């Protein structure tokens, strides 16, 4: 008798809870319907292709298909790391990304702070447009702009700037020592706009009461930036940095392949994991090795994000990604 009453009470509680959940779902029904197209796109575009991860462990054969191809385990990964270029491409990918993350973040914050200090709105809008415009330009167009500057015969540098300085023309696309600087400058010019706009949006969201109180206390502009602006946008900086760290084993293919015009003489400073995989895919058609490289990049990126987020959350949970 007691057991039956307990079951009835449990069923009643469950039905009451279910009714409340259905009522909540009905309240947000419109939002759920609006989210369905986005969720379907996410499922089709991001999750269904994950089935192709199995190709990384197979000797893929077009005639046999994904499931019918022979299973070879980690041999594709062995090939990726057994080559003599494995150290070079991994080193270039990591060091370039660390440099790009540091520079674009710091310069993006500095530019956003400068924009925030401009009082005239039309100037702010104009500067935002000029700064963001390079981010919207295709890397193919950027490669031709760089070529217009660095072309051996008719480039602006060899044809105008270097003769004015009394310097002999330079064969830019065969000299490796210049390209770390060139790639860095191109990345800053193209990427600082997107970073700046994100941080600028965070800065204008800071309450002016903080600055007013700081001015009353006698704080100058530098102290207001150091003690109010930067701490207020730190959570955004942390999230953007964590997301960038997750892609530290990826490189901008257009930057490292198209801008140097795929010059073989520059591979020691422009070769990354992505360009190496593309060249291997084009020359050998080895889809299995390409899939192994993509899985390796994703897995390492995931581990780095988790570890970095854990370190950040230990110091300040508000700045963590999750």
Protein backbone atom coordinates (compact mmCIF):
# COMPACT_ATOMS: atom_id res chain seq x y z
CA UNK A 1 0.00 0.00 0.00
CA UNK A 2 2.82 2.40 0.95
CA UNK A 3 4.75 1.48 -2.20
CA UNK A 4 1.75 2.11 -4.44
CA UNK A 5 1.22 5.55 -2.84
CA UNK A 6 4.89 6.34 -3.33
CA UNK A 7 4.61 5.37 -7.01
CA UNK A 8 1.51 7.52 -7.41
CA UNK A 9 3.25 10.48 -5.77
CA UNK A 10 6.26 9.99 -8.01
CA UNK A 11 4.05 9.84 -11.13
CA UNK A 12 2.18 12.94 -10.01
CA UNK A 13 5.45 14.86 -9.50
CA UNK A 14 6.75 13.67 -12.86
CA UNK A 15 3.54 14.68 -14.66
CA UNK A 16 3.58 18.08 -12.93
CA UNK A 17 7.21 18.62 -13.94
CA UNK A 18 6.42 17.53 -17.51
CA UNK A 19 3.50 19.94 -17.66
CA UNK A 20 5.73 22.79 -16.50
CA UNK A 21 8.37 21.94 -19.10
CA UNK A 22 5.74 21.77 -21.85
CA UNK A 23 4.40 25.14 -20.73
CA UNK A 24 7.90 26.61 -20.92
CA UNK A 25 8.44 25.03 -24.33
CA UNK A 26 5.15 26.47 -25.55
CA UNK A 27 6.22 29.91 -24.30
CA UNK A 28 9.42 29.77 -26.38
CA UNK A 29 7.84 27.95 -29.33
CA UNK A 30 8.45 30.86 -31.73
CA UNK A 31 12.12 31.05 -30.78
CA UNK A 32 12.49 27.29 -31.20
CA UNK A 33 11.00 27.45 -34.71
CA UNK A 34 13.34 30.32 -35.57
CA UNK A 35 16.33 28.27 -34.37
CA UNK A 36 15.44 25.16 -36.40
CA UNK A 37 16.99 26.35 -39.75
CA UNK A 38 20.24 27.29 -37.99
CA UNK A 39 20.34 23.97 -36.13
CA UNK A 40 19.72 22.05 -39.35
CA UNK A 41 22.50 23.97 -41.08
CA UNK A 42 24.82 23.24 -38.14
CA UNK A 43 23.93 19.54 -38.29
CA UNK A 44 24.37 19.21 -42.05
CA UNK A 45 27.42 21.46 -42.45
CA UNK A 46 29.35 20.74 -39.24
CA UNK A 47 28.34 17.40 -37.76
CA UNK A 48 27.45 15.07 -40.62
CA UNK A 49 30.85 15.60 -42.34
CA UNK A 50 32.54 14.42 -39.14
CA UNK A 51 31.79 10.91 -40.35
CA UNK A 52 34.61 11.46 -42.85
CA UNK A 53 37.14 11.39 -39.99
CA UNK A 54 37.38 7.64 -40.59
CA UNK A 55 39.22 8.38 -43.87
CA UNK A 56 42.27 9.37 -41.80
CA UNK A 57 42.64 5.71 -40.77
CA UNK A 58 42.08 4.18 -44.20
CA UNK A 59 43.86 3.75 -47.50
CA UNK A 60 41.10 5.57 -49.32
CA UNK A 61 40.09 4.14 -52.67
CA UNK A 62 37.51 5.97 -54.78
CA UNK A 63 36.14 2.76 -56.25
CA UNK A 64 35.64 1.11 -52.84
CA UNK A 65 34.27 4.17 -51.06
CA UNK A 66 34.81 5.20 -47.45
CA UNK A 67 33.50 2.06 -45.77
CA UNK A 68 35.00 -0.34 -48.32
CA UNK A 69 38.53 1.09 -48.26
CA UNK A 70 41.25 -0.84 -46.43
CA UNK A 71 41.88 0.01 -42.78
CA UNK A 72 45.54 0.99 -42.19
CA UNK A 73 45.38 2.46 -38.70
CA UNK A 74 47.88 5.25 -37.98
CA UNK A 75 50.03 4.86 -41.11
CA UNK A 76 48.72 8.12 -42.56
CA UNK A 77 49.88 9.91 -39.42
CA UNK A 78 53.25 8.17 -39.61
CA UNK A 79 53.72 9.46 -43.15
CA UNK A 80 52.84 12.99 -42.07
CA UNK A 81 55.46 13.05 -39.29
CA UNK A 82 58.12 10.84 -40.89
CA UNK A 83 59.00 13.36 -43.60
CA UNK A 84 62.05 15.60 -43.23
CA UNK A 85 59.83 18.67 -43.52
CA UNK A 86 57.65 17.75 -40.50
CA UNK A 87 59.69 19.83 -38.07
CA UNK A 88 59.87 22.85 -40.40
CA UNK A 89 56.15 23.02 -41.18
CA UNK A 90 55.14 22.47 -37.55
CA UNK A 91 57.63 25.10 -36.33
CA UNK A 92 56.46 27.64 -38.91
CA UNK A 93 52.78 27.03 -38.17
CA UNK A 94 53.14 27.46 -34.40
CA UNK A 95 55.60 30.37 -34.34
CA UNK A 96 53.78 32.39 -36.98
CA UNK A 97 50.45 31.91 -35.22
CA UNK A 98 51.91 32.89 -31.83
CA UNK A 99 53.35 36.03 -33.39
CA UNK A 100 50.12 36.85 -35.23
CA UNK A 101 47.96 36.33 -32.13
CA UNK A 102 50.19 38.58 -30.03
CA UNK A 103 50.44 41.39 -32.58
CA UNK A 104 46.85 41.44 -33.83
CA UNK A 105 45.51 41.34 -30.26
CA UNK A 106 47.74 44.08 -28.87
CA UNK A 107 47.48 46.34 -31.93
CA UNK A 108 43.74 45.68 -32.22
CA UNK A 109 43.21 46.81 -28.61
CA UNK A 110 45.41 49.88 -29.11
CA UNK A 111 43.57 50.87 -32.31
CA UNK A 112 40.18 50.35 -30.65
CA UNK A 113 41.20 52.60 -27.74
CA UNK A 114 42.35 55.29 -30.19
CA UNK A 115 39.06 55.07 -32.10
CA UNK A 116 37.17 55.44 -28.85
CA UNK A 117 39.00 58.69 -28.13
CA UNK A 118 37.83 60.28 -31.38
CA UNK A 119 34.87 62.51 -30.56
CA UNK A 120 33.60 63.27 -34.08
CA UNK A 121 31.32 60.47 -35.25
CA UNK A 122 31.91 60.92 -38.98
CA UNK A 123 35.67 60.53 -38.45
CA UNK A 124 35.10 57.41 -36.37
CA UNK A 125 32.93 55.87 -39.10
CA UNK A 126 35.48 56.77 -41.78
CA UNK A 127 38.40 55.28 -39.83
CA UNK A 128 36.39 52.12 -39.05
CA UNK A 129 35.71 51.66 -42.77
CA UNK A 130 39.35 52.13 -43.76
CA UNK A 131 40.58 49.80 -41.02
CA UNK A 132 38.03 47.05 -41.74
CA UNK A 133 38.29 47.20 -45.55
CA UNK A 134 41.48 45.06 -45.84
CA UNK A 135 39.79 42.28 -43.85
CA UNK A 136 37.10 42.08 -46.54
CA UNK A 137 39.57 41.83 -49.44
CA UNK A 138 40.18 38.37 -50.87
CA UNK A 139 43.64 36.94 -50.27
CA UNK A 140 43.97 36.45 -54.03
CA UNK A 141 43.69 40.22 -54.50
CA UNK A 142 46.10 40.75 -51.60
CA UNK A 143 48.65 38.50 -53.32
CA UNK A 144 48.51 40.66 -56.45
CA UNK A 145 48.82 43.83 -54.36
CA UNK A 146 51.95 42.38 -52.77
CA UNK A 147 53.21 41.40 -56.23
CA UNK A 148 52.69 45.00 -57.39
CA UNK A 149 55.08 46.06 -54.64
CA UNK A 150 57.62 43.24 -54.86
CA UNK A 151 57.75 42.26 -58.53
CA UNK A 152 61.40 41.99 -59.57
CA UNK A 153 61.12 44.04 -62.78
CA UNK A 154 58.15 46.39 -62.35
CA UNK A 155 57.43 46.31 -58.63
CA UNK A 156 57.09 49.57 -56.72
CA UNK A 157 59.93 48.67 -54.37
CA UNK A 158 62.50 47.74 -57.02
CA UNK A 159 61.35 50.34 -59.55
CA UNK A 160 60.88 53.38 -57.28
CA UNK A 161 61.79 53.04 -53.58
CA UNK A 162 65.13 51.16 -53.73
CA UNK A 163 66.64 53.31 -56.56
CA UNK A 164 65.81 56.43 -54.50
CA UNK A 165 67.78 54.94 -51.59
CA UNK A 166 70.65 53.82 -53.81
CA UNK A 167 69.97 50.12 -53.17
CA UNK A 168 70.21 47.43 -55.81
CA UNK A 169 66.95 45.65 -56.83
CA UNK A 170 66.09 42.61 -54.70
CA UNK A 171 64.72 39.31 -55.94
CA UNK A 172 62.01 39.23 -53.28
CA UNK A 173 60.48 35.88 -54.26
CA UNK A 174 63.75 34.00 -53.88
CA UNK A 175 65.13 35.62 -50.71
CA UNK A 176 63.85 33.83 -47.59
CA UNK A 177 65.10 36.39 -45.03
CA UNK A 178 62.49 39.00 -45.96
CA UNK A 179 59.37 36.87 -45.85
CA UNK A 180 58.78 36.52 -42.12
CA UNK A 181 58.55 40.33 -42.08
CA UNK A 182 56.41 40.51 -45.22
CA UNK A 183 53.92 37.88 -44.01
CA UNK A 184 53.68 39.56 -40.61
CA UNK A 185 53.00 42.98 -42.15
CA UNK A 186 50.35 41.55 -44.48
CA UNK A 187 48.66 39.75 -41.57
CA UNK A 188 48.59 42.88 -39.41
CA UNK A 189 47.31 45.04 -42.28
CA UNK A 190 44.57 42.55 -43.13
CA UNK A 191 43.61 41.27 -39.68
CA UNK A 192 43.82 44.25 -37.39
CA UNK A 193 40.48 45.64 -38.63
CA UNK A 194 38.41 42.66 -37.51
CA UNK A 195 40.16 42.52 -34.13
CA UNK A 196 39.80 46.28 -33.67
CA UNK A 197 36.04 46.31 -34.36
CA UNK A 198 35.39 43.56 -31.81
CA UNK A 199 37.33 45.34 -29.07
CA UNK A 200 35.88 48.72 -30.03
CA UNK A 201 32.36 47.29 -29.58
CA UNK A 202 33.39 46.08 -26.12
CA UNK A 203 34.89 49.45 -25.17
CA UNK A 204 31.84 51.53 -26.14
CA UNK A 205 29.77 49.25 -23.91
CA UNK A 206 31.67 50.35 -20.81
CA UNK A 207 29.64 52.69 -18.60
CA UNK A 208 30.79 56.33 -18.71
CA UNK A 209 30.16 56.56 -14.96
CA UNK A 210 33.46 54.76 -14.32
CA UNK A 211 35.40 57.32 -16.34
CA UNK A 212 33.53 60.21 -14.73
CA UNK A 213 34.38 58.91 -11.26
CA UNK A 214 38.02 58.42 -12.30
CA UNK A 215 38.23 62.00 -13.61
CA UNK A 216 36.80 63.32 -10.35
CA UNK A 217 39.49 61.38 -8.47
CA UNK A 218 42.15 63.00 -10.66
CA UNK A 219 43.00 60.06 -12.93
CA UNK A 220 44.54 61.08 -16.25
CA UNK A 221 43.69 59.45 -19.59
CA UNK A 222 46.43 56.83 -19.34
CA UNK A 223 45.28 55.71 -15.88
CA UNK A 224 41.67 55.52 -17.10
CA UNK A 225 42.75 53.23 -19.94
CA UNK A 226 44.97 51.10 -17.71
CA UNK A 227 42.59 50.70 -14.76
CA UNK A 228 39.16 50.87 -16.44
CA UNK A 229 39.24 50.15 -20.18
CA UNK A 230 41.66 47.22 -20.28
CA UNK A 231 40.23 45.34 -17.24
CA UNK A 232 36.69 45.83 -18.62
CA UNK A 233 37.51 44.28 -22.01
CA UNK A 234 39.74 41.54 -20.57
CA UNK A 235 37.00 38.85 -20.80
CA UNK A 236 36.64 39.58 -24.53
CA UNK A 237 40.40 39.47 -25.01
CA UNK A 238 40.54 36.16 -23.17
CA UNK A 239 37.79 34.57 -25.27
CA UNK A 240 39.27 35.78 -28.57
CA UNK A 241 42.71 34.53 -27.55
CA UNK A 242 41.38 31.13 -26.51
CA UNK A 243 39.58 30.76 -29.86
CA UNK A 244 42.78 31.74 -31.67
CA UNK A 245 44.80 29.22 -29.66
CA UNK A 246 42.35 26.53 -30.78
CA UNK A 247 43.47 27.19 -34.37
CA UNK A 248 47.17 27.54 -33.63
CA UNK A 249 47.94 24.43 -35.70
CA UNK A 250 46.05 25.89 -38.66
CA UNK A 251 47.41 28.55 -40.97
CA UNK A 252 45.88 30.99 -43.41
CA UNK A 253 46.31 29.03 -46.63
CA UNK A 254 45.99 32.11 -48.84
CA UNK A 255 48.63 33.99 -46.85
CA UNK A 256 51.25 31.23 -46.98
CA UNK A 257 50.48 29.84 -50.43
CA UNK A 258 49.15 32.63 -52.63
CA UNK A 259 51.01 35.67 -51.30
CA UNK A 260 54.49 34.04 -51.82
CA UNK A 261 53.13 32.79 -55.21
CA UNK A 262 53.93 29.18 -54.20
CA UNK A 263 57.63 29.84 -54.65
CA UNK A 264 59.57 26.66 -53.90
CA UNK A 265 62.62 28.64 -52.80
CA UNK A 266 60.61 30.12 -49.92
CA UNK A 267 59.25 26.86 -48.51
CA UNK A 268 61.59 26.92 -45.51
CA UNK A 269 59.90 30.11 -44.20
CA UNK A 270 56.46 29.95 -45.83
CA UNK A 271 55.71 26.22 -45.59
CA UNK A 272 53.04 25.29 -43.01
CA UNK A 273 50.99 22.18 -42.31
CA UNK A 274 48.16 23.38 -44.56
CA UNK A 275 50.35 24.21 -47.56
CA UNK A 276 52.28 20.96 -47.15
CA UNK A 277 49.10 18.91 -47.09
CA UNK A 278 47.76 20.73 -50.15
CA UNK A 279 50.95 20.10 -52.12
CA UNK A 280 50.93 16.43 -51.09
CA UNK A 281 47.28 16.14 -52.10
CA UNK A 282 47.92 17.76 -55.49
CA UNK A 283 51.01 15.68 -56.29
CA UNK A 284 50.02 12.29 -54.84
CA UNK A 285 46.24 12.57 -54.43
CA UNK A 286 46.55 11.01 -50.96
CA UNK A 287 43.22 11.93 -49.31
CA UNK A 288 43.95 9.69 -46.31
CA UNK A 289 47.07 11.63 -45.39
CA UNK A 290 45.25 14.94 -45.85
CA UNK A 291 42.44 13.76 -43.58
CA UNK A 292 44.99 12.61 -41.00
CA UNK A 293 46.57 16.07 -41.00
CA UNK A 294 43.18 17.74 -40.54
CA UNK A 295 42.28 15.41 -37.67
CA UNK A 296 45.67 16.01 -36.06
CA UNK A 297 45.18 19.79 -36.26
CA UNK A 298 41.66 19.59 -34.81
CA UNK A 299 42.63 17.26 -31.98
CA UNK A 300 45.65 19.31 -30.91
CA UNK A 301 43.59 22.51 -31.16
CA UNK A 302 40.90 20.99 -28.95
CA UNK A 303 43.46 19.96 -26.33
CA UNK A 304 45.05 23.41 -26.37
CA UNK A 305 41.69 25.14 -25.91
CA UNK A 306 40.76 22.87 -22.99
CA UNK A 307 44.12 23.32 -21.26
CA UNK A 308 44.23 27.08 -21.87
CA UNK A 309 40.66 27.51 -20.68
CA UNK A 310 41.43 25.50 -17.54
CA UNK A 311 44.42 27.73 -16.76
CA UNK A 312 42.37 30.89 -17.32
CA UNK A 313 39.46 29.59 -15.24
CA UNK A 314 41.82 28.84 -12.34
CA UNK A 315 42.88 32.49 -12.32
CA UNK A 316 39.52 34.10 -13.12
CA UNK A 317 36.38 32.16 -14.08
CA UNK A 318 34.75 35.22 -15.63
CA UNK A 319 37.46 35.34 -18.31
CA UNK A 320 37.13 31.66 -19.22
CA UNK A 321 35.43 30.45 -22.37
CA UNK A 322 33.20 28.00 -20.48
